[in-house]
Protein backbone atom coordinates (compact mmCIF):
# COMPACT_ATOMS: atom_id res chain seq x y z
CA MET A 1 58.34 -9.85 -49.18
CA HIS A 2 57.38 -11.26 -52.55
CA GLY A 3 59.85 -8.92 -54.20
CA THR A 4 58.39 -8.65 -57.69
CA GLY A 5 59.20 -4.98 -58.03
CA THR A 6 55.86 -4.22 -59.66
CA VAL A 7 53.91 -1.19 -58.50
CA ALA A 8 50.68 -3.09 -57.70
CA ASN A 9 52.41 -5.90 -55.77
CA ASP A 10 54.78 -3.60 -53.91
CA LEU A 11 51.92 -1.33 -52.87
CA SER A 12 49.76 -4.20 -51.55
CA GLU A 13 52.69 -5.71 -49.64
CA VAL A 14 53.70 -2.41 -48.07
CA LYS A 15 50.10 -1.74 -46.99
CA ALA A 16 49.84 -5.16 -45.31
CA VAL A 17 53.26 -4.99 -43.64
CA SER A 18 52.79 -1.44 -42.36
CA LYS A 19 49.31 -2.27 -41.02
CA TYR A 20 50.06 -5.58 -39.29
CA PHE A 21 53.84 -5.73 -38.80
CA LYS A 22 54.94 -2.16 -38.04
CA ASN A 23 58.00 -2.99 -35.93
CA THR A 24 59.35 -5.93 -37.91
CA TYR A 25 62.00 -6.16 -40.59
CA SER A 26 61.34 -7.40 -44.10
CA SER A 27 63.42 -8.75 -46.92
CA SER A 28 62.98 -10.68 -50.14
CA THR A 29 65.10 -13.53 -51.44
CA LYS A 30 63.76 -13.36 -55.01
CA ALA A 31 66.76 -11.35 -56.21
CA MET A 32 69.00 -14.24 -55.07
CA THR A 33 66.86 -17.19 -56.16
CA GLY A 34 64.72 -15.95 -59.03
CA HIS A 35 61.13 -17.09 -59.39
CA CYS A 36 60.99 -20.81 -58.64
CA LEU A 37 57.25 -21.14 -59.33
CA GLY A 38 56.08 -24.35 -57.59
CA ALA A 39 59.31 -24.71 -55.61
CA ALA A 40 59.36 -21.13 -54.31
CA ALA A 41 57.78 -21.96 -50.94
CA SER A 42 60.14 -24.88 -50.36
CA VAL A 43 63.22 -22.84 -51.26
CA GLU A 44 62.14 -19.94 -49.04
CA THR A 45 61.33 -22.28 -46.14
CA ALA A 46 64.82 -23.81 -46.38
CA LEU A 47 66.34 -20.32 -46.46
CA CYS A 48 64.31 -19.32 -43.38
CA CYS A 49 65.50 -22.41 -41.48
CA ALA A 50 69.13 -21.66 -42.40
CA LEU A 51 68.66 -18.02 -41.44
CA ILE A 52 67.36 -18.92 -37.97
CA ASP A 53 70.08 -21.55 -37.51
CA LYS A 54 72.89 -19.16 -38.40
CA GLY A 55 71.33 -16.07 -36.79
CA GLY A 56 71.12 -13.21 -39.24
CA PHE A 57 69.20 -11.80 -42.17
CA TYR A 58 69.69 -12.20 -45.87
CA PRO A 59 70.43 -8.91 -47.56
CA HIS A 60 67.49 -7.31 -49.32
CA LYS A 61 68.76 -6.44 -52.78
CA PHE A 62 67.04 -3.52 -54.41
CA ASP A 63 67.92 -0.34 -56.27
CA ASN A 64 67.83 1.81 -53.08
CA GLU A 65 65.14 4.01 -54.61
CA TYR A 66 61.98 4.34 -52.55
CA ASP A 67 58.63 5.23 -53.99
CA ASP A 68 57.65 8.37 -52.08
CA THR A 69 53.95 7.66 -52.67
CA ILE A 70 53.92 4.58 -50.42
CA GLU A 71 54.59 4.18 -46.71
CA LYS A 72 58.13 3.27 -45.65
CA ILE A 73 58.78 -0.14 -44.08
CA ASN A 74 61.85 -1.59 -42.36
CA ILE A 75 63.90 -3.29 -45.06
CA THR A 76 66.72 -5.17 -43.45
CA ASN A 77 70.34 -5.70 -44.31
CA PRO A 78 72.80 -7.71 -42.19
CA PRO A 79 73.74 -7.97 -39.36
CA GLN A 80 70.27 -8.42 -37.87
CA GLU A 81 69.46 -11.50 -35.79
CA THR A 82 66.22 -13.41 -35.69
CA LYS A 83 64.71 -16.37 -33.91
CA ILE A 84 61.41 -16.19 -35.77
CA CYS A 85 60.84 -16.05 -39.51
CA MET A 86 57.61 -15.77 -41.47
CA THR A 87 57.43 -17.00 -45.04
CA ASN A 88 54.59 -16.18 -47.40
CA ALA A 89 53.62 -18.41 -50.32
CA PHE A 90 51.18 -16.75 -52.68
CA GLY A 91 50.29 -19.16 -55.45
CA PHE A 92 48.43 -18.97 -58.70
CA GLY A 93 44.66 -18.90 -58.38
CA GLY A 94 44.70 -17.71 -54.78
CA ALA A 95 46.41 -20.73 -53.18
CA ASN A 96 48.04 -18.79 -50.35
CA ALA A 97 49.85 -19.95 -47.21
CA ILE A 98 51.85 -18.32 -44.46
CA MET A 99 54.25 -20.24 -42.22
CA ILE A 100 55.96 -18.96 -39.08
CA ILE A 101 59.14 -20.81 -38.13
CA GLY A 102 60.90 -20.28 -34.83
CA ASN A 103 63.64 -21.46 -32.53
CA LYS A 104 63.44 -20.64 -28.84
């Protein structure tokens, strides 16, 4: 998840995740890394590779308050395991990319 904590971004992310990824777990690393601007995709890709290598999930840090007006999604906290990780890079001006990394 992008993890901005803004109403508009959270709502659009929750709609997409609940529509296309109903049975998956989500988290955001922004609370741990901040907003790296141009380096954000590289940092998140490195974190995804480490996550798959070590087998687990990074904790999703948030205030534990859900907005009752939006659909609930699976926000993960350790100890979950994963062999596949998807990272989203949404850049300025609509330069968007999604990468799926896996280890069989």
